[in-house]
């Protein structure tokens, strides 16, 4: 079976995506740890759905707004 190759999310290098690569989807332990550090440092953020709802309500006339 042909091994699947993907780009490392951190550096972009091609890497094997299989059980043979203990760092998958990353190419190395270094890239895995750098990515983990970016999450811990809050460099990456997941959008907050409540903020989206608040912004949407600002664009809707008061008489058409709904309560959550």
PDB file of N, CA and C in Angstrom:
ATOM      1  N   UNK A   1       0.843  -1.184   0.000  1.00  0.00           N
ATOM      2  CA  UNK A   1       0.000   0.000   0.000  1.00  0.00           C
ATOM      3  C   UNK A   1       0.888   1.246   0.000  1.00  0.00           C
ATOM      4  N   UNK A   2       0.539   2.208  -0.806  1.00  0.00           N
ATOM      5  CA  UNK A   2       1.317   3.437  -0.921  1.00  0.00           C
ATOM      6  C   UNK A   2       1.097   4.316   0.312  1.00  0.00           C
ATOM      7  N   UNK A   3       2.207   4.870   0.825  1.00  0.00           N
ATOM      8  CA  UNK A   3       2.108   5.732   1.997  1.00  0.00           C
ATOM      9  C   UNK A   3       1.550   7.097   1.604  1.00  0.00           C
ATOM     10  N   UNK A   4       0.681   7.595   2.437  1.00  0.00           N
ATOM     11  CA  UNK A   4       0.073   8.907   2.201  1.00  0.00           C
ATOM     12  C   UNK A   4       1.026   9.989   2.708  1.00  0.00           C
ATOM     13  N   UNK A   5       1.253  11.005   1.890  1.00  0.00           N
ATOM     14  CA  UNK A   5       2.104  12.119   2.299  1.00  0.00           C
ATOM     15  C   UNK A   5       1.252  13.374   2.425  1.00  0.00           C
ATOM     16  N   UNK A   6       1.537  14.145   3.463  1.00  0.00           N
ATOM     17  CA  UNK A   6       0.825  15.398   3.715  1.00  0.00           C
ATOM     18  C   UNK A   6       1.855  16.471   4.028  1.00  0.00           C
ATOM     19  N   UNK A   7       1.415  17.711   4.001  1.00  0.00           N
ATOM     20  CA  UNK A   7       2.294  18.812   4.384  1.00  0.00           C
ATOM     21  C   UNK A   7       2.218  19.009   5.898  1.00  0.00           C
ATOM     22  N   UNK A   8       3.365  19.222   6.490  1.00  0.00           N
ATOM     23  CA  UNK A   8       3.435  19.501   7.923  1.00  0.00           C
ATOM     24  C   UNK A   8       2.713  20.823   8.182  1.00  0.00           C
ATOM     25  N   UNK A   9       1.778  20.863   9.121  1.00  0.00           N
ATOM     26  CA  UNK A   9       1.035  22.098   9.391  1.00  0.00           C
ATOM     27  C   UNK A   9       1.916  23.250   9.873  1.00  0.00           C
ATOM     28  N   UNK A  10       3.086  22.929  10.407  1.00  0.00           N
ATOM     29  CA  UNK A  10       3.937  24.002  10.932  1.00  0.00           C
ATOM     30  C   UNK A  10       4.924  24.524   9.887  1.00  0.00           C
ATOM     31  N   UNK A  11       5.709  23.632   9.260  1.00  0.00           N
ATOM     32  CA  UNK A  11       6.767  24.086   8.345  1.00  0.00           C
ATOM     33  C   UNK A  11       6.441  23.888   6.873  1.00  0.00           C
ATOM     34  N   UNK A  12       5.456  23.039   6.565  1.00  0.00           N
ATOM     35  CA  UNK A  12       5.058  22.825   5.179  1.00  0.00           C
ATOM     36  C   UNK A  12       5.822  21.726   4.460  1.00  0.00           C
ATOM     37  N   UNK A  13       6.796  21.088   5.107  1.00  0.00           N
ATOM     38  CA  UNK A  13       7.531  19.987   4.480  1.00  0.00           C
ATOM     39  C   UNK A  13       6.625  18.779   4.312  1.00  0.00           C
ATOM     40  N   UNK A  14       6.910  17.974   3.279  1.00  0.00           N
ATOM     41  CA  UNK A  14       6.175  16.733   3.066  1.00  0.00           C
ATOM     42  C   UNK A  14       6.547  15.734   4.151  1.00  0.00           C
ATOM     43  N   UNK A  15       5.554  15.034   4.665  1.00  0.00           N
ATOM     44  CA  UNK A  15       5.803  14.022   5.688  1.00  0.00           C
ATOM     45  C   UNK A  15       4.841  12.861   5.498  1.00  0.00           C
ATOM     46  N   UNK A  16       5.250  11.693   5.942  1.00  0.00           N
ATOM     47  CA  UNK A  16       4.420  10.493   5.836  1.00  0.00           C
ATOM     48  C   UNK A  16       3.353  10.540   6.921  1.00  0.00           C
ATOM     49  N   UNK A  17       2.104  10.310   6.513  1.00  0.00           N
ATOM     50  CA  UNK A  17       0.990  10.276   7.464  1.00  0.00           C
ATOM     51  C   UNK A  17       0.615   8.815   7.692  1.00  0.00           C
ATOM     52  N   UNK A  18       1.303   8.199   8.651  1.00  0.00           N
ATOM     53  CA  UNK A  18       1.019   6.802   8.990  1.00  0.00           C
ATOM     54  C   UNK A  18       1.493   6.531  10.408  1.00  0.00           C
ATOM     55  N   UNK A  19       1.258   5.307  10.857  1.00  0.00           N
ATOM     56  CA  UNK A  19       1.696   4.911  12.196  1.00  0.00           C
ATOM     57  C   UNK A  19       3.213   4.946  12.331  1.00  0.00           C
ATOM     58  N   UNK A  20       3.928   4.929  11.211  1.00  0.00           N
ATOM     59  CA  UNK A  20       5.393   4.975  11.238  1.00  0.00           C
ATOM     60  C   UNK A  20       5.911   6.340  11.676  1.00  0.00           C
ATOM     61  N   UNK A  21       5.084   7.366  11.582  1.00  0.00           N
ATOM     62  CA  UNK A  21       5.477   8.724  11.973  1.00  0.00           C
ATOM     63  C   UNK A  21       4.806   9.049  13.308  1.00  0.00           C
ATOM     64  N   UNK A  22       5.547   8.983  14.405  1.00  0.00           N
ATOM     65  CA  UNK A  22       4.937   9.227  15.716  1.00  0.00           C
ATOM     66  C   UNK A  22       4.522  10.679  15.938  1.00  0.00           C
ATOM     67  N   UNK A  23       4.939  11.572  15.049  1.00  0.00           N
ATOM     68  CA  UNK A  23       4.630  12.992  15.214  1.00  0.00           C
ATOM     69  C   UNK A  23       3.515  13.465  14.284  1.00  0.00           C
ATOM     70  N   UNK A  24       2.892  12.543  13.548  1.00  0.00           N
ATOM     71  CA  UNK A  24       1.901  12.953  12.555  1.00  0.00           C
ATOM     72  C   UNK A  24       0.819  13.824  13.163  1.00  0.00           C
ATOM     73  N   UNK A  25       0.332  14.818  12.518  1.00  0.00           N
ATOM     74  CA  UNK A  25       0.577  15.192  11.128  1.00  0.00           C
ATOM     75  C   UNK A  25       1.837  16.038  10.932  1.00  0.00           C
ATOM     76  N   UNK A  26       2.635  16.191  11.965  1.00  0.00           N
ATOM     77  CA  UNK A  26       3.854  16.994  11.862  1.00  0.00           C
ATOM     78  C   UNK A  26       4.999  16.135  11.348  1.00  0.00           C
ATOM     79  N   UNK A  27       6.049  16.793  10.833  1.00  0.00           N
ATOM     80  CA  UNK A  27       7.187  16.061  10.286  1.00  0.00           C
ATOM     81  C   UNK A  27       8.202  15.694  11.357  1.00  0.00           C
ATOM     82  N   UNK A  28       8.166  16.372  12.485  1.00  0.00           N
ATOM     83  CA  UNK A  28       9.169  16.124  13.523  1.00  0.00           C
ATOM     84  C   UNK A  28       8.626  16.515  14.892  1.00  0.00           C
ATOM     85  N   UNK A  29       9.350  16.094  15.910  1.00  0.00           N
ATOM     86  CA  UNK A  29       8.978  16.479  17.270  1.00  0.00           C
ATOM     87  C   UNK A  29       9.081  17.993  17.435  1.00  0.00           C
ATOM     88  N   UNK A  30      10.078  18.591  16.794  1.00  0.00           N
ATOM     89  CA  UNK A  30      10.263  20.041  16.882  1.00  0.00           C
ATOM     90  C   UNK A  30       9.017  20.788  16.395  1.00  0.00           C
ATOM     91  N   UNK A  31       8.509  20.424  15.217  1.00  0.00           N
ATOM     92  CA  UNK A  31       7.319  21.096  14.683  1.00  0.00           C
ATOM     93  C   UNK A  31       6.107  20.855  15.581  1.00  0.00           C
ATOM     94  N   UNK A  32       5.992  19.644  16.113  1.00  0.00           N
ATOM     95  CA  UNK A  32       4.871  19.332  17.013  1.00  0.00           C
ATOM     96  C   UNK A  32       4.925  20.205  18.262  1.00  0.00           C
ATOM     97  N   UNK A  33       6.113  20.346  18.833  1.00  0.00           N
ATOM     98  CA  UNK A  33       6.254  21.148  20.052  1.00  0.00           C
ATOM     99  C   UNK A  33       6.086  22.640  19.783  1.00  0.00           C
ATOM    100  N   UNK A  34       6.557  23.108  18.631  1.00  0.00           N
ATOM    101  CA  UNK A  34       6.359  24.519  18.287  1.00  0.00           C
ATOM    102  C   UNK A  34       4.871  24.832  18.128  1.00  0.00           C
ATOM    103  N   UNK A  35       4.130  23.907  17.515  1.00  0.00           N
ATOM    104  CA  UNK A  35       2.693  24.097  17.353  1.00  0.00           C
ATOM    105  C   UNK A  35       1.989  24.069  18.709  1.00  0.00           C
ATOM    106  N   UNK A  36       2.368  23.141  19.568  1.00  0.00           N
ATOM    107  CA  UNK A  36       1.793  23.067  20.909  1.00  0.00           C
ATOM    108  C   UNK A  36       2.076  24.354  21.679  1.00  0.00           C
ATOM    109  N   UNK A  37       3.297  24.863  21.545  1.00  0.00           N
ATOM    110  CA  UNK A  37       3.660  26.115  22.207  1.00  0.00           C
ATOM    111  C   UNK A  37       2.833  27.285  21.710  1.00  0.00           C
ATOM    112  N   UNK A  38       2.529  27.301  20.417  1.00  0.00           N
ATOM    113  CA  UNK A  38       1.707  28.381  19.865  1.00  0.00           C
ATOM    114  C   UNK A  38       0.301  28.346  20.457  1.00  0.00           C
ATOM    115  N   UNK A  39      -0.260  27.145  20.656  1.00  0.00           N
ATOM    116  CA  UNK A  39      -1.569  27.027  21.303  1.00  0.00           C
ATOM    117  C   UNK A  39      -1.484  27.486  22.753  1.00  0.00           C
ATOM    118  N   UNK A  40      -0.431  27.057  23.458  1.00  0.00           N
ATOM    119  CA  UNK A  40      -0.279  27.411  24.872  1.00  0.00           C
ATOM    120  C   UNK A  40      -0.077  28.913  25.054  1.00  0.00           C
ATOM    121  N   UNK A  41       0.566  29.534  24.078  1.00  0.00           N
ATOM    122  CA  UNK A  41       0.832  30.971  24.123  1.00  0.00           C
ATOM    123  C   UNK A  41      -0.368  31.784  23.622  1.00  0.00           C
ATOM    124  N   UNK A  42      -1.428  31.081  23.210  1.00  0.00           N
ATOM    125  CA  UNK A  42      -2.645  31.681  22.655  1.00  0.00           C
ATOM    126  C   UNK A  42      -2.391  32.441  21.357  1.00  0.00           C
ATOM    127  N   UNK A  43      -1.394  31.971  20.584  1.00  0.00           N
ATOM    128  CA  UNK A  43      -1.170  32.528  19.252  1.00  0.00           C
ATOM    129  C   UNK A  43      -2.269  32.072  18.298  1.00  0.00           C
ATOM    130  N   UNK A  44      -2.812  30.874  18.542  1.00  0.00           N
ATOM    131  CA  UNK A  44      -3.953  30.360  17.788  1.00  0.00           C
ATOM    132  C   UNK A  44      -5.188  30.550  18.649  1.00  0.00           C
ATOM    133  N   UNK A  45      -6.291  30.880  18.007  1.00  0.00           N
ATOM    134  CA  UNK A  45      -7.536  31.048  18.756  1.00  0.00           C
ATOM    135  C   UNK A  45      -8.690  30.432  17.985  1.00  0.00           C
ATOM    136  N   UNK A  46      -9.591  29.816  18.710  1.00  0.00           N
ATOM    137  CA  UNK A  46     -10.815  29.272  18.138  1.00  0.00           C
ATOM    138  C   UNK A  46     -11.870  30.360  18.270  1.00  0.00           C
ATOM    139  N   UNK A  47     -12.579  30.682  17.173  1.00  0.00           N
ATOM    140  CA  UNK A  47     -13.588  31.742  17.262  1.00  0.00           C
ATOM    141  C   UNK A  47     -14.658  31.417  18.300  1.00  0.00           C
ATOM    142  N   UNK A  48     -15.092  32.426  18.998  1.00  0.00           N
ATOM    143  CA  UNK A  48     -16.114  32.288  20.027  1.00  0.00           C
ATOM    144  C   UNK A  48     -17.469  32.564  19.392  1.00  0.00           C
ATOM    145  N   UNK A  49     -18.348  31.584  19.393  1.00  0.00           N
ATOM    146  CA  UNK A  49     -19.666  31.724  18.761  1.00  0.00           C
ATOM    147  C   UNK A  49     -20.512  32.808  19.423  1.00  0.00           C
ATOM    148  N   UNK A  50     -20.347  33.053  20.713  1.00  0.00           N
ATOM    149  CA  UNK A  50     -21.159  34.081  21.370  1.00  0.00           C
ATOM    150  C   UNK A  50     -20.810  35.466  20.842  1.00  0.00           C
ATOM    151  N   UNK A  51     -19.562  35.686  20.481  1.00  0.00           N
ATOM    152  CA  UNK A  51     -19.182  36.971  19.900  1.00  0.00           C
ATOM    153  C   UNK A  51     -19.848  37.152  18.546  1.00  0.00           C
ATOM    154  N   UNK A  52     -19.930  36.079  17.766  1.00  0.00           N
ATOM    155  CA  UNK A  52     -20.569  36.156  16.462  1.00  0.00           C
ATOM    156  C   UNK A  52     -22.049  36.519  16.615  1.00  0.00           C
ATOM    157  N   UNK A  53     -22.728  35.924  17.578  1.00  0.00           N
ATOM    158  CA  UNK A  53     -24.140  36.214  17.808  1.00  0.00           C
ATOM    159  C   UNK A  53     -24.320  37.678  18.195  1.00  0.00           C
ATOM    160  N   UNK A  54     -23.485  38.190  19.074  1.00  0.00           N
ATOM    161  CA  UNK A  54     -23.590  39.583  19.490  1.00  0.00           C
ATOM    162  C   UNK A  54     -23.417  40.532  18.311  1.00  0.00           C
ATOM    163  N   UNK A  55     -22.470  40.234  17.431  1.00  0.00           N
ATOM    164  CA  UNK A  55     -22.246  41.076  16.259  1.00  0.00           C
ATOM    165  C   UNK A  55     -23.458  41.014  15.343  1.00  0.00           C
ATOM    166  N   UNK A  56     -24.029  39.822  15.160  1.00  0.00           N
ATOM    167  CA  UNK A  56     -25.205  39.680  14.314  1.00  0.00           C
ATOM    168  C   UNK A  56     -26.374  40.497  14.860  1.00  0.00           C
ATOM    169  N   UNK A  57     -26.556  40.523  16.173  1.00  0.00           N
ATOM    170  CA  UNK A  57     -27.658  41.277  16.767  1.00  0.00           C
ATOM    171  C   UNK A  57     -27.489  42.775  16.552  1.00  0.00           C
ATOM    172  N   UNK A  58     -26.277  43.255  16.460  1.00  0.00           N
ATOM    173  CA  UNK A  58     -26.041  44.681  16.254  1.00  0.00           C
ATOM    174  C   UNK A  58     -26.533  45.126  14.883  1.00  0.00           C
ATOM    175  N   UNK A  59     -26.583  44.205  13.930  1.00  0.00           N
ATOM    176  CA  UNK A  59     -26.994  44.546  12.574  1.00  0.00           C
ATOM    177  C   UNK A  59     -28.487  44.345  12.329  1.00  0.00           C
ATOM    178  N   UNK A  60     -29.203  43.874  13.333  1.00  0.00           N
ATOM    179  CA  UNK A  60     -30.637  43.612  13.204  1.00  0.00           C
ATOM    180  C   UNK A  60     -31.402  44.693  13.962  1.00  0.00           C
ATOM    181  N   UNK A  61     -32.428  45.270  13.334  1.00  0.00           N
ATOM    182  CA  UNK A  61     -33.231  46.269  14.048  1.00  0.00           C
ATOM    183  C   UNK A  61     -33.770  45.703  15.359  1.00  0.00           C
ATOM    184  N   UNK A  62     -33.894  46.543  16.379  1.00  0.00           N
ATOM    185  CA  UNK A  62     -34.289  46.114  17.724  1.00  0.00           C
ATOM    186  C   UNK A  62     -35.608  45.353  17.730  1.00  0.00           C
ATOM    187  N   UNK A  63     -36.568  45.748  16.898  1.00  0.00           N
ATOM    188  CA  UNK A  63     -37.866  45.074  16.907  1.00  0.00           C
ATOM    189  C   UNK A  63     -37.810  43.685  16.264  1.00  0.00           C
ATOM    190  N   UNK A  64     -36.721  43.353  15.585  1.00  0.00           N
ATOM    191  CA  UNK A  64     -36.588  42.045  14.953  1.00  0.00           C
ATOM    192  C   UNK A  64     -35.621  41.127  15.697  1.00  0.00           C
ATOM    193  N   UNK A  65     -35.033  41.585  16.783  1.00  0.00           N
ATOM    194  CA  UNK A  65     -34.072  40.766  17.514  1.00  0.00           C
ATOM    195  C   UNK A  65     -34.787  39.667  18.278  1.00  0.00           C
ATOM    196  N   UNK A  66     -34.059  38.618  18.532  1.00  0.00           N
ATOM    197  CA  UNK A  66     -34.604  37.495  19.289  1.00  0.00           C
ATOM    198  C   UNK A  66     -33.765  37.290  20.534  1.00  0.00           C
ATOM    199  N   UNK A  67     -34.374  36.682  21.533  1.00  0.00           N
ATOM    200  CA  UNK A  67     -33.655  36.362  22.760  1.00  0.00           C
ATOM    201  C   UNK A  67     -33.145  34.938  22.668  1.00  0.00           C
ATOM    202  N   UNK A  68     -31.966  34.708  23.238  1.00  0.00           N
ATOM    203  CA  UNK A  68     -31.383  33.358  23.225  1.00  0.00           C
ATOM    204  C   UNK A  68     -32.014  32.471  24.250  1.00  0.00           C
TER     205      UNK A  68
END
